[in-house]
């Protein structure tokens, strides 16, 4: 039983290390209108609009933001899954 506790504590320590690593990994997703910067732990760090708003259709910009944010989140989820998979042996 003591060995299992040691294993669990070691795994928790490794997971904390991976979480810290994910917090430090910065990913970007962009298209012609916007650029999203996100950490691998899925915290949005920046949203940059690449074009002047006066000439851009509002609906098009809003749709671009939604698509780009979702792409950034998927990218961060994939990165996190790869890191955690290495720990669990499933990746």
N, C-alpha and C. Protein backbone atom coordinates (compact mmCIF):
# COMPACT_ATOMS: atom_id res chain seq x y z
N UNK A 1 0.83 -1.20 0.00
CA UNK A 1 0.00 0.00 0.00
C UNK A 1 0.87 1.27 0.00
N UNK A 2 1.96 1.19 0.76
CA UNK A 2 2.86 2.34 0.82
C UNK A 2 3.49 2.61 -0.54
N UNK A 3 3.77 1.54 -1.29
CA UNK A 3 4.33 1.71 -2.63
C UNK A 3 3.34 2.41 -3.56
N UNK A 4 2.05 2.08 -3.43
CA UNK A 4 1.01 2.73 -4.25
C UNK A 4 0.95 4.22 -3.93
N UNK A 5 1.04 4.56 -2.65
CA UNK A 5 1.02 5.97 -2.26
C UNK A 5 2.22 6.71 -2.84
N UNK A 6 3.38 6.05 -2.81
CA UNK A 6 4.58 6.66 -3.40
C UNK A 6 4.37 6.90 -4.89
N UNK A 7 3.79 5.90 -5.58
CA UNK A 7 3.51 6.03 -7.01
C UNK A 7 2.55 7.18 -7.28
N UNK A 8 1.49 7.28 -6.46
CA UNK A 8 0.52 8.35 -6.64
C UNK A 8 1.15 9.73 -6.41
N UNK A 9 1.97 9.83 -5.38
CA UNK A 9 2.64 11.10 -5.11
C UNK A 9 3.61 11.47 -6.24
N UNK A 10 4.30 10.47 -6.77
CA UNK A 10 5.20 10.73 -7.89
C UNK A 10 4.41 11.17 -9.12
N UNK A 11 3.26 10.53 -9.37
CA UNK A 11 2.43 10.90 -10.51
C UNK A 11 1.87 12.31 -10.32
N UNK A 12 1.44 12.65 -9.12
CA UNK A 12 0.92 13.99 -8.86
C UNK A 12 2.02 15.03 -9.08
N UNK A 13 3.21 14.73 -8.63
CA UNK A 13 4.33 15.64 -8.82
C UNK A 13 4.60 15.84 -10.31
N UNK A 14 4.58 14.76 -11.07
CA UNK A 14 4.80 14.84 -12.51
C UNK A 14 3.67 15.64 -13.19
N UNK A 15 2.43 15.41 -12.74
CA UNK A 15 1.30 16.15 -13.31
C UNK A 15 1.42 17.64 -13.01
N UNK A 16 1.86 17.99 -11.80
CA UNK A 16 2.07 19.39 -11.46
C UNK A 16 3.16 20.01 -12.34
N UNK A 17 4.19 19.23 -12.61
CA UNK A 17 5.27 19.68 -13.48
C UNK A 17 4.76 19.93 -14.90
N UNK A 18 3.93 19.01 -15.39
CA UNK A 18 3.36 19.16 -16.73
C UNK A 18 2.42 20.36 -16.78
N UNK A 19 1.62 20.56 -15.75
CA UNK A 19 0.71 21.72 -15.69
C UNK A 19 1.52 23.02 -15.78
N UNK A 20 2.62 23.07 -15.05
CA UNK A 20 3.48 24.25 -15.08
C UNK A 20 4.05 24.46 -16.48
N UNK A 21 4.44 23.36 -17.11
CA UNK A 21 4.96 23.43 -18.48
C UNK A 21 3.88 23.92 -19.45
N UNK A 22 2.65 23.41 -19.30
CA UNK A 22 1.54 23.83 -20.16
C UNK A 22 1.23 25.30 -19.97
N UNK A 23 1.31 25.78 -18.72
CA UNK A 23 1.08 27.20 -18.46
C UNK A 23 2.08 28.08 -19.20
N UNK A 24 3.29 27.55 -19.39
CA UNK A 24 4.35 28.32 -20.04
C UNK A 24 4.38 28.20 -21.56
N UNK A 25 3.69 27.20 -22.12
CA UNK A 25 3.66 27.03 -23.57
C UNK A 25 2.66 27.99 -24.20
N UNK A 26 3.12 28.81 -25.10
CA UNK A 26 2.25 29.80 -25.74
C UNK A 26 2.04 29.38 -27.20
N UNK A 27 0.77 29.31 -27.59
CA UNK A 27 0.38 28.90 -28.94
C UNK A 27 -0.34 30.06 -29.61
N UNK A 28 -0.32 30.08 -30.94
CA UNK A 28 -1.01 31.12 -31.68
C UNK A 28 -1.86 30.51 -32.77
N UNK A 29 -3.01 31.13 -33.00
CA UNK A 29 -3.89 30.75 -34.09
C UNK A 29 -4.30 32.05 -34.77
N UNK A 30 -4.25 32.05 -36.11
CA UNK A 30 -4.59 33.29 -36.78
C UNK A 30 -5.17 33.04 -38.17
N UNK A 31 -5.88 34.06 -38.64
CA UNK A 31 -6.34 34.09 -40.02
C UNK A 31 -6.08 35.49 -40.55
N UNK A 32 -6.77 35.90 -41.60
CA UNK A 32 -6.50 37.21 -42.20
C UNK A 32 -6.93 38.38 -41.32
N UNK A 33 -7.87 38.14 -40.38
CA UNK A 33 -8.42 39.24 -39.59
C UNK A 33 -7.93 39.29 -38.15
N UNK A 34 -7.75 38.14 -37.53
CA UNK A 34 -7.41 38.14 -36.10
C UNK A 34 -6.29 37.14 -35.80
N UNK A 35 -5.65 37.39 -34.65
CA UNK A 35 -4.63 36.48 -34.14
C UNK A 35 -4.92 36.27 -32.66
N UNK A 36 -4.98 35.00 -32.23
CA UNK A 36 -5.25 34.64 -30.85
C UNK A 36 -3.99 34.02 -30.26
N UNK A 37 -3.60 34.48 -29.08
CA UNK A 37 -2.49 33.88 -28.35
C UNK A 37 -3.07 33.22 -27.11
N UNK A 38 -2.74 31.93 -26.92
CA UNK A 38 -3.32 31.12 -25.86
C UNK A 38 -2.23 30.23 -25.26
N UNK A 39 -2.34 29.94 -23.97
CA UNK A 39 -1.40 28.98 -23.38
C UNK A 39 -1.93 27.58 -23.62
N UNK A 40 -1.08 26.59 -23.47
CA UNK A 40 -1.50 25.20 -23.64
C UNK A 40 -2.44 24.78 -22.52
N UNK A 41 -2.53 25.57 -21.45
CA UNK A 41 -3.51 25.30 -20.40
C UNK A 41 -4.80 26.08 -20.64
N UNK A 42 -4.96 26.60 -21.84
CA UNK A 42 -6.19 27.19 -22.36
C UNK A 42 -6.56 28.54 -21.75
N UNK A 43 -5.55 29.34 -21.45
CA UNK A 43 -5.79 30.71 -21.01
C UNK A 43 -5.47 31.64 -22.16
N UNK A 44 -6.48 32.41 -22.60
CA UNK A 44 -6.28 33.37 -23.68
C UNK A 44 -5.38 34.49 -23.16
N UNK A 45 -4.29 34.74 -23.88
CA UNK A 45 -3.36 35.78 -23.49
C UNK A 45 -3.56 37.06 -24.28
N UNK A 46 -3.95 36.93 -25.55
CA UNK A 46 -4.12 38.12 -26.38
C UNK A 46 -5.03 37.83 -27.55
N UNK A 47 -5.76 38.86 -27.96
CA UNK A 47 -6.56 38.85 -29.18
C UNK A 47 -6.13 40.08 -29.96
N UNK A 48 -5.59 39.86 -31.15
CA UNK A 48 -5.13 40.97 -31.98
C UNK A 48 -5.97 41.04 -33.24
N UNK A 49 -6.49 42.22 -33.51
CA UNK A 49 -7.24 42.46 -34.75
C UNK A 49 -6.25 43.03 -35.75
N UNK A 50 -6.13 42.37 -36.89
CA UNK A 50 -5.09 42.72 -37.87
C UNK A 50 -5.53 43.79 -38.86
N UNK A 51 -6.77 44.17 -38.83
CA UNK A 51 -7.27 45.11 -39.82
C UNK A 51 -8.07 46.21 -39.14
N UNK A 52 -8.21 47.34 -39.80
CA UNK A 52 -9.00 48.44 -39.25
C UNK A 52 -10.47 48.05 -39.21
N UNK A 53 -11.14 48.37 -38.14
CA UNK A 53 -12.54 47.99 -37.98
C UNK A 53 -13.47 48.73 -38.94
N UNK A 54 -13.12 49.93 -39.32
CA UNK A 54 -14.02 50.72 -40.15
C UNK A 54 -14.32 50.06 -41.50
N UNK A 55 -13.36 49.33 -42.04
CA UNK A 55 -13.57 48.72 -43.33
C UNK A 55 -13.98 47.26 -43.27
N UNK A 56 -14.14 46.74 -42.05
CA UNK A 56 -14.43 45.31 -41.89
C UNK A 56 -15.87 45.10 -41.48
N UNK A 57 -16.49 44.19 -42.11
CA UNK A 57 -17.85 43.82 -41.76
C UNK A 57 -17.85 43.21 -40.36
N UNK A 58 -18.68 43.76 -39.47
CA UNK A 58 -18.72 43.34 -38.07
C UNK A 58 -19.03 41.84 -37.95
N UNK A 59 -19.98 41.34 -38.68
CA UNK A 59 -20.35 39.93 -38.60
C UNK A 59 -19.20 39.04 -39.03
N UNK A 60 -18.47 39.48 -40.06
CA UNK A 60 -17.33 38.70 -40.55
C UNK A 60 -16.23 38.66 -39.48
N UNK A 61 -15.97 39.77 -38.83
CA UNK A 61 -14.96 39.83 -37.77
C UNK A 61 -15.37 38.95 -36.59
N UNK A 62 -16.64 39.02 -36.20
CA UNK A 62 -17.12 38.20 -35.08
C UNK A 62 -16.99 36.72 -35.40
N UNK A 63 -17.35 36.32 -36.61
CA UNK A 63 -17.22 34.92 -37.01
C UNK A 63 -15.76 34.49 -37.02
N UNK A 64 -14.89 35.38 -37.47
CA UNK A 64 -13.47 35.10 -37.49
C UNK A 64 -12.93 34.90 -36.08
N UNK A 65 -13.35 35.74 -35.16
CA UNK A 65 -12.93 35.60 -33.76
C UNK A 65 -13.36 34.25 -33.19
N UNK A 66 -14.60 33.87 -33.42
CA UNK A 66 -15.11 32.59 -32.91
C UNK A 66 -14.29 31.43 -33.48
N UNK A 67 -14.10 31.42 -34.77
CA UNK A 67 -13.36 30.34 -35.42
C UNK A 67 -11.91 30.28 -34.94
N UNK A 68 -11.27 31.43 -34.82
CA UNK A 68 -9.87 31.48 -34.44
C UNK A 68 -9.68 31.09 -32.97
N UNK A 69 -10.55 31.55 -32.10
CA UNK A 69 -10.48 31.15 -30.69
C UNK A 69 -10.68 29.65 -30.56
N UNK A 70 -11.68 29.11 -31.24
CA UNK A 70 -11.94 27.67 -31.17
C UNK A 70 -10.74 26.87 -31.70
N UNK A 71 -10.11 27.34 -32.74
CA UNK A 71 -8.93 26.67 -33.28
C UNK A 71 -7.78 26.72 -32.27
N UNK A 72 -7.62 27.86 -31.61
CA UNK A 72 -6.58 27.99 -30.59
C UNK A 72 -6.84 27.05 -29.41
N UNK A 73 -8.10 26.95 -28.99
CA UNK A 73 -8.45 26.05 -27.88
C UNK A 73 -8.17 24.60 -28.27
N UNK A 74 -8.57 24.21 -29.48
CA UNK A 74 -8.31 22.83 -29.93
C UNK A 74 -6.80 22.54 -29.95
N UNK A 75 -6.02 23.52 -30.39
CA UNK A 75 -4.57 23.36 -30.43
C UNK A 75 -4.02 23.18 -29.01
N UNK A 76 -4.52 23.97 -28.07
CA UNK A 76 -4.04 23.84 -26.69
C UNK A 76 -4.48 22.52 -26.08
N UNK A 77 -5.70 22.05 -26.40
CA UNK A 77 -6.16 20.76 -25.90
C UNK A 77 -5.29 19.62 -26.43
N UNK A 78 -4.94 19.70 -27.70
CA UNK A 78 -4.10 18.67 -28.31
C UNK A 78 -2.74 18.64 -27.64
N UNK A 79 -2.16 19.81 -27.41
CA UNK A 79 -0.86 19.89 -26.76
C UNK A 79 -0.92 19.33 -25.35
N UNK A 80 -1.97 19.70 -24.60
CA UNK A 80 -2.12 19.20 -23.24
C UNK A 80 -2.30 17.69 -23.23
N UNK A 81 -3.09 17.16 -24.16
CA UNK A 81 -3.33 15.71 -24.23
C UNK A 81 -2.04 14.97 -24.54
N UNK A 82 -1.21 15.54 -25.41
CA UNK A 82 0.07 14.90 -25.73
C UNK A 82 0.98 14.87 -24.51
N UNK A 83 1.02 15.96 -23.76
CA UNK A 83 1.86 16.02 -22.56
C UNK A 83 1.35 15.05 -21.50
N UNK A 84 0.05 15.02 -21.28
CA UNK A 84 -0.52 14.13 -20.27
C UNK A 84 -0.43 12.68 -20.73
N UNK A 85 -0.56 12.42 -22.03
CA UNK A 85 -0.45 11.08 -22.57
C UNK A 85 0.93 10.50 -22.32
N UNK A 86 1.95 11.35 -22.38
CA UNK A 86 3.30 10.88 -22.12
C UNK A 86 3.43 10.42 -20.66
N UNK A 87 2.72 11.08 -19.77
CA UNK A 87 2.75 10.71 -18.35
C UNK A 87 2.01 9.40 -18.10
N UNK A 88 0.85 9.27 -18.72
CA UNK A 88 0.01 8.10 -18.46
C UNK A 88 0.36 6.89 -19.32
N UNK A 89 1.19 7.14 -20.35
CA UNK A 89 1.54 6.06 -21.26
C UNK A 89 0.49 5.80 -22.31
N UNK A 90 -0.52 6.69 -22.41
CA UNK A 90 -1.60 6.53 -23.40
C UNK A 90 -1.34 7.33 -24.66
N UNK A 91 -0.33 8.18 -24.65
CA UNK A 91 -0.10 9.06 -25.79
C UNK A 91 0.98 8.60 -26.70
